[in-house]
Every structure is written in C-alpha cells, then in structure tokens.
N, C-alpha and C. Protein backbone atom coordinates (compact mmCIF):
# COMPACT_ATOMS: atom_id res chain seq x y z
N MET A 1 -81.97 193.62 159.44
CA MET A 1 -82.75 192.99 160.79
C MET A 1 -82.09 192.08 160.83
N LEU A 2 -81.83 192.00 162.27
CA LEU A 2 -81.12 190.89 163.03
C LEU A 2 -81.75 189.70 163.50
N LEU A 3 -81.84 188.92 162.86
CA LEU A 3 -82.88 187.44 163.90
C LEU A 3 -82.14 186.86 164.43
N GLU A 4 -82.39 186.08 165.51
CA GLU A 4 -81.93 185.61 166.24
C GLU A 4 -82.70 184.72 166.82
N VAL A 5 -81.95 183.48 166.79
CA VAL A 5 -82.78 181.72 166.84
C VAL A 5 -82.54 181.05 167.75
N ASP A 6 -83.27 180.73 168.63
CA ASP A 6 -82.38 179.33 169.52
C ASP A 6 -82.57 178.57 169.32
N LEU A 7 -81.13 177.83 168.66
CA LEU A 7 -82.08 175.73 167.99
C LEU A 7 -81.63 175.18 169.46
N PRO A 8 -82.60 174.09 169.76
CA PRO A 8 -82.15 172.72 170.73
C PRO A 8 -80.55 172.33 170.28
N ASP A 9 -79.61 172.42 172.09
CA ASP A 9 -78.36 171.85 171.67
C ASP A 9 -78.00 170.87 170.50
N GLU A 10 -79.41 169.54 170.82
CA GLU A 10 -78.19 168.43 170.56
C GLU A 10 -79.46 168.78 168.74
N TRP A 11 -79.54 169.73 167.80
CA TRP A 11 -79.56 169.38 166.43
C TRP A 11 -78.18 169.73 165.85
N PRO A 12 -77.91 169.12 164.85
CA PRO A 12 -77.17 168.67 163.94
C PRO A 12 -76.90 170.34 163.73
N PRO A 13 -75.95 170.52 162.90
CA PRO A 13 -74.94 171.02 162.73
C PRO A 13 -76.53 171.62 161.14
N GLY A 14 -75.82 170.71 160.63
CA GLY A 14 -76.72 170.82 159.30
C GLY A 14 -77.85 171.05 159.04
N LEU A 15 -78.83 171.38 160.55
CA LEU A 15 -80.42 171.58 160.78
C LEU A 15 -80.18 172.95 161.47
N GLY A 16 -79.82 173.63 161.17
CA GLY A 16 -79.20 174.44 162.12
C GLY A 16 -79.08 175.80 161.19
N LEU A 17 -78.42 174.62 159.28
CA LEU A 17 -78.14 175.49 158.89
C LEU A 17 -79.49 176.19 158.13
N ALA A 18 -79.96 174.71 157.45
CA ALA A 18 -81.54 174.32 157.05
C ALA A 18 -82.81 175.05 157.44
N VAL A 19 -82.01 175.49 158.59
CA VAL A 19 -83.48 176.45 159.46
C VAL A 19 -83.36 177.67 158.91
N ALA A 20 -81.69 178.31 158.90
CA ALA A 20 -81.36 179.70 158.78
C ALA A 20 -82.01 179.93 157.31
N ALA A 21 -81.18 178.75 156.73
CA ALA A 21 -82.19 178.89 154.88
C ALA A 21 -83.59 179.39 154.39
N MET A 22 -84.16 178.01 155.22
CA MET A 22 -85.33 178.29 154.96
C MET A 22 -86.07 179.22 155.78
N ILE A 23 -85.97 180.11 156.49
CA ILE A 23 -86.08 181.84 157.15
C ILE A 23 -85.50 183.13 156.54
N ARG A 24 -84.32 182.79 155.95
CA ARG A 24 -84.21 183.34 154.89
C ARG A 24 -85.14 183.43 153.58
N ARG A 25 -85.13 182.75 152.92
CA ARG A 25 -85.77 182.30 152.23
C ARG A 25 -87.04 183.08 151.91
N SER A 26 -88.05 182.20 152.81
CA SER A 26 -88.58 182.68 153.58
C SER A 26 -89.44 184.11 153.92
N LEU A 27 -88.01 185.26 154.30
CA LEU A 27 -88.21 186.71 154.32
C LEU A 27 -87.90 187.43 152.55
N ARG A 28 -87.51 186.71 152.05
CA ARG A 28 -87.09 187.01 150.96
C ARG A 28 -88.45 187.21 149.83
N ASP A 29 -88.59 186.22 149.88
CA ASP A 29 -89.65 185.60 149.36
C ASP A 29 -91.35 185.86 149.20
N GLY A 30 -91.92 186.06 150.76
CA GLY A 30 -92.95 186.60 151.20
C GLY A 30 -93.14 186.82 152.21
N PHE A 31 -94.23 186.64 153.25
CA PHE A 31 -94.09 186.49 154.52
C PHE A 31 -94.72 185.74 155.50
N PRO A 32 -93.59 185.04 156.29
CA PRO A 32 -93.09 183.82 157.10
C PRO A 32 -94.88 183.39 157.95
N VAL A 33 -94.37 181.89 157.48
CA VAL A 33 -95.63 181.79 158.52
C VAL A 33 -95.06 180.83 159.58
N VAL A 34 -95.85 181.23 160.77
CA VAL A 34 -93.81 179.95 161.84
C VAL A 34 -95.64 179.48 162.23
N ILE A 35 -95.87 178.11 162.88
CA ILE A 35 -96.54 177.44 163.52
C ILE A 35 -95.52 176.90 164.79
N PRO A 36 -95.52 177.16 165.76
CA PRO A 36 -94.74 176.22 166.86
C PRO A 36 -95.58 175.58 167.50
N ILE A 37 -94.85 174.24 167.34
CA ILE A 37 -95.02 172.84 167.52
C ILE A 37 -94.23 171.64 168.80
N ARG A 38 -95.34 171.28 169.61
CA ARG A 38 -94.31 170.74 170.41
C ARG A 38 -94.17 169.44 169.87
N ARG A 39 -92.79 168.93 170.75
CA ARG A 39 -93.00 167.57 170.31
C ARG A 39 -92.64 166.43 170.18
N ASP A 40 -94.06 166.91 171.08
CA ASP A 40 -94.65 165.15 171.47
C ASP A 40 -96.39 165.03 170.72
N ALA A 41 -96.35 166.18 168.93
CA ALA A 41 -97.98 166.86 169.22
C ALA A 41 -97.67 164.88 168.13
N THR A 42 -99.49 164.89 167.87
CA THR A 42 -99.97 164.20 167.25
C THR A 42 -99.93 164.36 165.42
N PRO A 43 -99.95 163.17 165.03
CA PRO A 43 -100.06 164.12 163.10
C PRO A 43 -101.87 165.00 163.00
N GLU A 44 -102.58 164.42 164.52
CA GLU A 44 -103.70 164.80 164.23
C GLU A 44 -103.61 166.46 164.64
N GLU A 45 -103.15 166.27 165.59
CA GLU A 45 -102.79 168.23 166.27
C GLU A 45 -101.72 168.91 165.34
N LEU A 46 -101.21 168.58 164.14
CA LEU A 46 -99.76 168.86 163.22
C LEU A 46 -101.85 169.19 162.58
N GLU A 47 -102.08 168.01 161.92
CA GLU A 47 -102.77 167.95 161.06
C GLU A 47 -104.09 169.74 161.51
N ALA A 48 -104.82 170.27 162.27
CA ALA A 48 -105.34 170.58 162.22
C ALA A 48 -104.79 172.11 162.83
N ALA A 49 -103.48 172.08 163.05
CA ALA A 49 -102.82 173.33 163.38
C ALA A 49 -102.36 174.00 161.96
N LEU A 50 -102.11 173.12 161.29
CA LEU A 50 -101.89 173.34 159.82
C LEU A 50 -103.22 174.34 158.90
N GLY A 51 -104.02 173.38 159.17
CA GLY A 51 -105.21 173.41 158.87
C GLY A 51 -106.58 174.85 159.06
N ALA A 52 -105.70 175.65 160.86
CA ALA A 52 -106.10 176.63 160.97
C ALA A 52 -105.56 178.00 160.63
N VAL A 53 -103.95 177.85 160.55
CA VAL A 53 -103.51 178.35 159.33
C VAL A 53 -104.03 179.03 158.57
N THR A 54 -104.16 177.90 157.32
CA THR A 54 -104.55 177.85 155.95
C THR A 54 -105.60 178.74 155.95
N ARG A 55 -107.09 178.08 157.09
CA ARG A 55 -107.81 179.01 156.62
C ARG A 55 -108.07 180.19 157.10
N VAL A 56 -107.06 181.30 158.44
CA VAL A 56 -106.83 182.81 158.11
C VAL A 56 -105.83 183.17 157.72
N ILE A 57 -105.10 182.76 156.14
CA ILE A 57 -104.13 182.76 154.81
C ILE A 57 -105.88 183.62 154.13
N GLN A 58 -106.05 181.77 154.13
CA GLN A 58 -106.73 182.23 152.77
C GLN A 58 -108.73 183.34 153.07
N GLU A 59 -108.62 183.60 153.96
CA GLU A 59 -109.58 184.18 154.70
C GLU A 59 -108.87 186.11 154.58
N ALA A 60 -107.32 186.17 155.26
CA ALA A 60 -106.84 187.25 155.08
C ALA A 60 -106.49 187.66 153.65
N GLY A 61 -106.98 186.39 152.21
CA GLY A 61 -106.87 186.91 151.03
C GLY A 61 -105.46 186.47 150.64
N LEU A 62 -104.00 186.09 151.65
CA LEU A 62 -103.23 186.41 151.37
C LEU A 62 -102.75 184.96 150.87
N ALA A 63 -103.86 183.72 150.48
CA ALA A 63 -103.15 182.36 149.68
C ALA A 63 -102.59 182.86 148.18
N ALA A 64 -102.10 181.92 147.71
CA ALA A 64 -101.31 182.28 146.58
C ALA A 64 -102.49 181.23 145.39
C-alpha cells in the first residue's frame, strides 16, 4: 500500500520522519485514528475532540 501525506514545507525533516514512523507503527499495530486539528485550536477544543473520538472507540468496542 502506498500512503502519501503532504507535510507543511516549514516542518523540519525530523518531524516528517517522526510522522512517517508514527503512521507505519499505527498501521502495523492496529487501526489508526486520525484527528485533524486546526493550528489555532484551543486546549478545550482539543480535549473535546479527543473525548468524542474516545467515546466512539469505546462504544464500538475497539478500546483495549
């Protein structure tokens, strides 16, 4: 499978490699859950998004 991800030009190379490693590991070990987040998201918005995704995972019986 080929997965192409466009990273922002301003990201340092190490961050791109870290993202690639994270994606490879999540695909190897289980089902990846990706939550796109706006650059200006507040901590409260991040917490709400994570809470919503966590509930969906738990209700689907996918939580470990």
